[in-house]
C-alpha atoms as a PDB file:
ATOM      1  CA  MET A   1     165.296  27.866-148.413  1.00  0.00           C
ATOM      2  CA  ALA A   2     164.413  25.759-151.605  1.00  0.00           C
ATOM      3  CA  GLU A   3     165.288  27.184-155.077  1.00  0.00           C
ATOM      4  CA  GLY A   4     162.892  29.770-156.343  1.00  0.00           C
ATOM      5  CA  ILE A   5     161.093  30.051-153.000  1.00  0.00           C
ATOM      6  CA  ASP A   6     161.641  33.235-150.892  1.00  0.00           C
ATOM      7  CA  HIS A   7     162.392  33.165-147.092  1.00  0.00           C
ATOM      8  CA  ILE A   8     159.692  35.451-145.652  1.00  0.00           C
ATOM      9  CA  THR A   9     159.904  36.904-142.068  1.00  0.00           C
ATOM     10  CA  ASP A  10     158.000  39.465-139.919  1.00  0.00           C
ATOM     11  CA  SER A  11     160.624  41.992-141.017  1.00  0.00           C
ATOM     12  CA  ASN A  12     160.377  41.555-144.790  1.00  0.00           C
ATOM     13  CA  ILE A  13     156.783  40.483-145.469  1.00  0.00           C
ATOM     14  CA  ASP A  14     155.398  44.001-146.055  1.00  0.00           C
ATOM     15  CA  GLU A  15     158.162  45.031-148.452  1.00  0.00           C
ATOM     16  CA  ILE A  16     157.632  41.736-150.502  1.00  0.00           C
ATOM     17  CA  THR A  17     153.948  41.895-150.547  1.00  0.00           C
ATOM     18  CA  GLN A  18     154.029  45.561-151.610  1.00  0.00           C
ATOM     19  CA  LYS A  19     156.573  45.357-154.329  1.00  0.00           C
ATOM     20  CA  ASN A  20     155.152  42.290-156.121  1.00  0.00           C
ATOM     21  CA  SER A  21     151.884  42.030-157.953  1.00  0.00           C
ATOM     22  CA  LEU A  22     151.086  38.347-156.633  1.00  0.00           C
ATOM     23  CA  VAL A  23     152.617  36.714-153.641  1.00  0.00           C
ATOM     24  CA  LEU A  24     151.885  33.271-152.342  1.00  0.00           C
ATOM     25  CA  ILE A  25     153.160  32.563-148.752  1.00  0.00           C
ATOM     26  CA  ASP A  26     153.194  29.181-147.228  1.00  0.00           C
ATOM     27  CA  CYS A  27     152.837  29.545-143.309  1.00  0.00           C
ATOM     28  CA  TRP A  28     154.681  26.505-142.045  1.00  0.00           C
ATOM     29  CA  ALA A  29     156.774  24.955-139.137  1.00  0.00           C
ATOM     30  CA  GLU A  30     159.627  22.602-139.088  1.00  0.00           C
ATOM     31  CA  TRP A  31     157.717  19.931-137.008  1.00  0.00           C
ATOM     32  CA  CYS A  32     154.623  19.863-139.292  1.00  0.00           C
ATOM     33  CA  GLY A  33     154.251  16.796-141.421  1.00  0.00           C
ATOM     34  CA  PRO A  34     151.658  18.068-143.805  1.00  0.00           C
ATOM     35  CA  CYS A  35     153.793  21.322-144.348  1.00  0.00           C
ATOM     36  CA  GLN A  36     156.679  19.129-145.531  1.00  0.00           C
ATOM     37  CA  MET A  37     154.263  17.482-148.000  1.00  0.00           C
ATOM     38  CA  LEU A  38     153.462  20.915-149.438  1.00  0.00           C
ATOM     39  CA  THR A  39     156.961  21.733-150.063  1.00  0.00           C
ATOM     40  CA  PRO A  40     157.575  19.910-153.397  1.00  0.00           C
ATOM     41  CA  ILE A  41     154.284  21.332-154.817  1.00  0.00           C
ATOM     42  CA  LEU A  42     155.603  24.879-154.097  1.00  0.00           C
ATOM     43  CA  GLN A  43     158.885  24.186-155.639  1.00  0.00           C
ATOM     44  CA  GLN A  44     157.168  23.113-158.839  1.00  0.00           C
ATOM     45  CA  LEU A  45     154.879  26.149-158.874  1.00  0.00           C
ATOM     46  CA  ALA A  46     157.856  28.565-158.103  1.00  0.00           C
ATOM     47  CA  LYS A  47     159.505  27.160-161.371  1.00  0.00           C
ATOM     48  CA  GLU A  48     156.395  27.380-163.441  1.00  0.00           C
ATOM     49  CA  TYR A  49     155.171  30.823-162.315  1.00  0.00           C
ATOM     50  CA  ALA A  50     158.766  32.377-162.033  1.00  0.00           C
ATOM     51  CA  GLY A  51     158.454  36.008-162.966  1.00  0.00           C
ATOM     52  CA  ARG A  52     154.852  36.203-162.479  1.00  0.00           C
ATOM     53  CA  VAL A  53     154.237  34.968-158.890  1.00  0.00           C
ATOM     54  CA  VAL A  54     156.475  35.292-155.902  1.00  0.00           C
ATOM     55  CA  ILE A  55     156.310  32.107-153.678  1.00  0.00           C
ATOM     56  CA  GLY A  56     157.713  32.290-150.196  1.00  0.00           C
ATOM     57  CA  LYS A  57     157.604  30.451-146.752  1.00  0.00           C
ATOM     58  CA  LEU A  58     157.209  31.834-143.474  1.00  0.00           C
ATOM     59  CA  ASN A  59     158.040  29.902-140.449  1.00  0.00           C
ATOM     60  CA  VAL A  60     155.228  30.578-137.844  1.00  0.00           C
ATOM     61  CA  ASP A  61     157.424  29.527-134.936  1.00  0.00           C
ATOM     62  CA  GLU A  62     160.054  32.131-135.861  1.00  0.00           C
ATOM     63  CA  ASN A  63     157.545  34.954-136.956  1.00  0.00           C
ATOM     64  CA  PRO A  64     154.911  35.183-134.513  1.00  0.00           C
ATOM     65  CA  LYS A  65     154.018  38.819-135.331  1.00  0.00           C
ATOM     66  CA  THR A  66     152.838  37.706-138.777  1.00  0.00           C
ATOM     67  CA  SER A  67     151.028  34.645-137.580  1.00  0.00           C
ATOM     68  CA  MET A  68     149.001  36.661-135.137  1.00  0.00           C
ATOM     69  CA  LYS A  69     148.316  39.491-137.571  1.00  0.00           C
ATOM     70  CA  HIS A  70     146.727  37.015-140.091  1.00  0.00           C
ATOM     71  CA  GLN A  71     145.309  34.802-137.389  1.00  0.00           C
ATOM     72  CA  ILE A  72     147.017  31.687-138.587  1.00  0.00           C
ATOM     73  CA  MET A  73     145.580  28.933-136.287  1.00  0.00           C
ATOM     74  CA  ALA A  74     146.302  25.880-138.477  1.00  0.00           C
ATOM     75  CA  ILE A  75     149.259  24.994-140.597  1.00  0.00           C
ATOM     76  CA  PRO A  76     150.051  24.689-143.357  1.00  0.00           C
ATOM     77  CA  THR A  77     148.087  28.017-144.418  1.00  0.00           C
ATOM     78  CA  ILE A  78     148.768  29.557-147.797  1.00  0.00           C
ATOM     79  CA  LEU A  79     148.090  33.248-147.975  1.00  0.00           C
ATOM     80  CA  PHE A  80     147.550  34.975-151.254  1.00  0.00           C
ATOM     81  CA  PHE A  81     148.440  38.729-151.543  1.00  0.00           C
ATOM     82  CA  LYS A  82     147.566  40.821-154.632  1.00  0.00           C
ATOM     83  CA  ASP A  83     149.108  44.221-154.829  1.00  0.00           C
ATOM     84  CA  GLY A  84     149.932  44.283-151.147  1.00  0.00           C
ATOM     85  CA  LYS A  85     146.408  43.085-149.917  1.00  0.00           C
ATOM     86  CA  LEU A  86     145.611  39.775-148.451  1.00  0.00           C
ATOM     87  CA  VAL A  87     142.949  38.515-150.941  1.00  0.00           C
ATOM     88  CA  ASP A  88     142.681  34.784-150.316  1.00  0.00           C
ATOM     89  CA  ASN A  89     143.870  31.813-148.085  1.00  0.00           C
ATOM     90  CA  MET A  90     144.095  28.013-148.180  1.00  0.00           C
ATOM     91  CA  ILE A  91     144.261  25.899-145.025  1.00  0.00           C
ATOM     92  CA  GLY A  92     145.701  22.370-145.219  1.00  0.00           C
ATOM     93  CA  VAL A  93     147.671  20.605-147.984  1.00  0.00           C
ATOM     94  CA  ALA A  94     145.945  21.310-151.191  1.00  0.00           C
ATOM     95  CA  PRO A  95     146.583  19.607-154.635  1.00  0.00           C
ATOM     96  CA  LYS A  96     148.579  21.469-157.043  1.00  0.00           C
ATOM     97  CA  LYS A  97     145.578  22.072-159.439  1.00  0.00           C
ATOM     98  CA  ASN A  98     143.613  23.846-156.500  1.00  0.00           C
ATOM     99  CA  ILE A  99     146.575  26.076-155.756  1.00  0.00           C
ATOM    100  CA  GLU A 100     146.902  26.891-159.485  1.00  0.00           C
ATOM    101  CA  GLY A 101     143.303  27.690-159.607  1.00  0.00           C
ATOM    102  CA  THR A 102     143.647  30.276-156.872  1.00  0.00           C
ATOM    103  CA  ILE A 103     146.605  31.707-158.492  1.00  0.00           C
ATOM    104  CA  ALA A 104     144.776  31.994-161.861  1.00  0.00           C
ATOM    105  CA  LYS A 105     142.061  34.093-160.153  1.00  0.00           C
ATOM    106  CA  TYR A 106     144.542  36.772-159.376  1.00  0.00           C
ATOM    107  CA  LEU A 107     146.971  36.810-162.416  1.00  0.00           C
END
Protein backbone atom coordinates (compact mmCIF):
# COMPACT_ATOMS: atom_id res chain seq x y z
CA MET A 1 0.00 0.00 0.00
CA ALA A 2 1.20 3.52 -0.75
CA GLU A 3 2.76 5.63 1.97
CA GLY A 4 0.19 7.30 4.21
CA ILE A 5 -2.67 5.15 2.87
CA ASP A 6 -4.13 2.42 5.07
CA HIS A 7 -4.99 -1.05 3.80
CA ILE A 8 -8.70 -1.52 4.57
CA THR A 9 -10.30 -4.98 4.66
CA ASP A 10 -13.60 -6.57 5.65
CA SER A 11 -11.99 -7.46 8.98
CA ASN A 12 -10.59 -4.03 9.94
CA ILE A 13 -13.01 -1.49 8.42
CA ASP A 14 -15.24 -1.24 11.50
CA GLU A 15 -12.30 -0.71 13.85
CA ILE A 16 -10.73 1.96 11.64
CA THR A 17 -13.96 3.89 11.03
CA GLN A 18 -14.93 3.74 14.73
CA LYS A 19 -11.62 4.91 16.20
CA ASN A 20 -10.98 7.80 13.79
CA SER A 21 -13.05 10.96 13.43
CA LEU A 22 -12.92 11.19 9.61
CA VAL A 23 -12.08 8.29 7.29
CA LEU A 24 -12.03 8.32 3.49
CA ILE A 25 -12.02 4.87 1.87
CA ASP A 26 -11.31 4.34 -1.81
CA CYS A 27 -13.11 1.22 -3.06
CA TRP A 28 -11.04 -0.02 -5.98
CA ALA A 29 -9.75 -3.03 -7.93
CA GLU A 30 -6.37 -3.90 -9.42
CA TRP A 31 -7.79 -4.13 -12.98
CA CYS A 32 -9.62 -0.77 -12.85
CA GLY A 33 -7.92 1.95 -14.91
CA PRO A 34 -9.81 4.89 -13.38
CA CYS A 35 -8.96 3.51 -9.92
CA GLN A 36 -5.27 3.72 -10.79
CA MET A 37 -5.75 7.37 -11.81
CA LEU A 38 -7.16 8.19 -8.37
CA THR A 39 -4.21 6.76 -6.40
CA PRO A 40 -1.80 9.72 -6.83
CA ILE A 41 -4.54 12.13 -5.73
CA LEU A 42 -5.15 10.07 -2.60
CA GLN A 43 -1.42 9.95 -1.88
CA GLN A 44 -1.27 13.76 -1.99
CA LEU A 45 -4.32 14.06 0.26
CA ALA A 46 -2.87 11.52 2.72
CA LYS A 47 0.22 13.74 3.11
CA GLU A 48 -1.71 17.01 3.31
CA TYR A 49 -4.32 15.75 5.79
CA ALA A 50 -2.06 13.48 7.89
CA GLY A 51 -3.26 13.44 11.49
CA ARG A 52 -6.69 14.81 10.56
CA VAL A 53 -8.09 12.34 8.02
CA VAL A 54 -7.41 8.63 7.65
CA ILE A 55 -7.25 7.65 4.00
CA GLY A 56 -7.51 4.00 3.04
CA LYS A 57 -8.01 1.70 0.07
CA LEU A 58 -10.32 -1.30 0.02
CA ASN A 59 -9.94 -3.82 -2.80
CA VAL A 60 -13.52 -4.77 -3.72
CA ASP A 61 -12.46 -8.09 -5.28
CA GLU A 62 -10.83 -9.19 -2.01
CA ASN A 63 -13.48 -7.73 0.34
CA PRO A 64 -16.96 -8.64 -0.93
CA LYS A 65 -18.66 -8.25 2.47
CA THR A 66 -17.95 -4.52 2.66
CA SER A 67 -18.72 -4.03 -1.04
CA MET A 68 -22.15 -5.64 -0.58
CA LYS A 69 -22.88 -3.83 2.70
CA HIS A 70 -22.30 -0.42 1.10
CA GLN A 71 -23.79 -1.42 -2.27
CA ILE A 72 -20.68 -0.61 -4.29
CA MET A 73 -21.87 -0.96 -7.90
CA ALA A 74 -19.17 1.07 -9.66
CA ILE A 75 -15.53 1.75 -8.94
CA PRO A 76 -13.80 3.81 -7.95
CA THR A 77 -16.18 4.77 -5.17
CA ILE A 78 -14.97 6.86 -2.25
CA LEU A 79 -16.78 6.38 1.05
CA PHE A 80 -16.60 9.08 3.74
CA PHE A 81 -17.08 8.01 7.37
CA LYS A 82 -17.51 10.55 10.18
CA ASP A 83 -17.37 9.19 13.75
CA GLY A 84 -18.05 5.65 12.51
CA LYS A 85 -21.04 6.52 10.30
CA LEU A 86 -21.12 6.61 6.50
CA VAL A 87 -21.93 10.25 5.70
CA ASP A 88 -21.10 10.67 2.01
CA ASN A 89 -19.75 8.98 -1.11
CA MET A 90 -18.29 9.88 -4.49
CA ILE A 91 -18.46 7.64 -7.56
CA GLY A 92 -15.85 7.85 -10.31
CA VAL A 93 -12.59 9.73 -10.58
CA ALA A 94 -13.02 13.14 -9.00
CA PRO A 95 -10.64 16.10 -9.13
CA LYS A 96 -8.62 16.70 -5.97
CA LYS A 97 -10.53 19.93 -5.23
CA ASN A 98 -13.86 18.06 -5.22
CA ILE A 99 -12.56 15.48 -2.76
CA GLU A 100 -11.11 18.26 -0.60
CA GLY A 101 -14.49 20.02 -0.64
CA THR A 102 -16.16 16.93 0.77
CA ILE A 103 -13.42 16.49 3.37
CA ALA A 104 -13.88 20.15 4.42
CA LYS A 105 -17.62 19.56 5.02
CA TYR A 106 -16.82 16.98 7.70
CA LEU A 107 -13.63 18.28 9.35
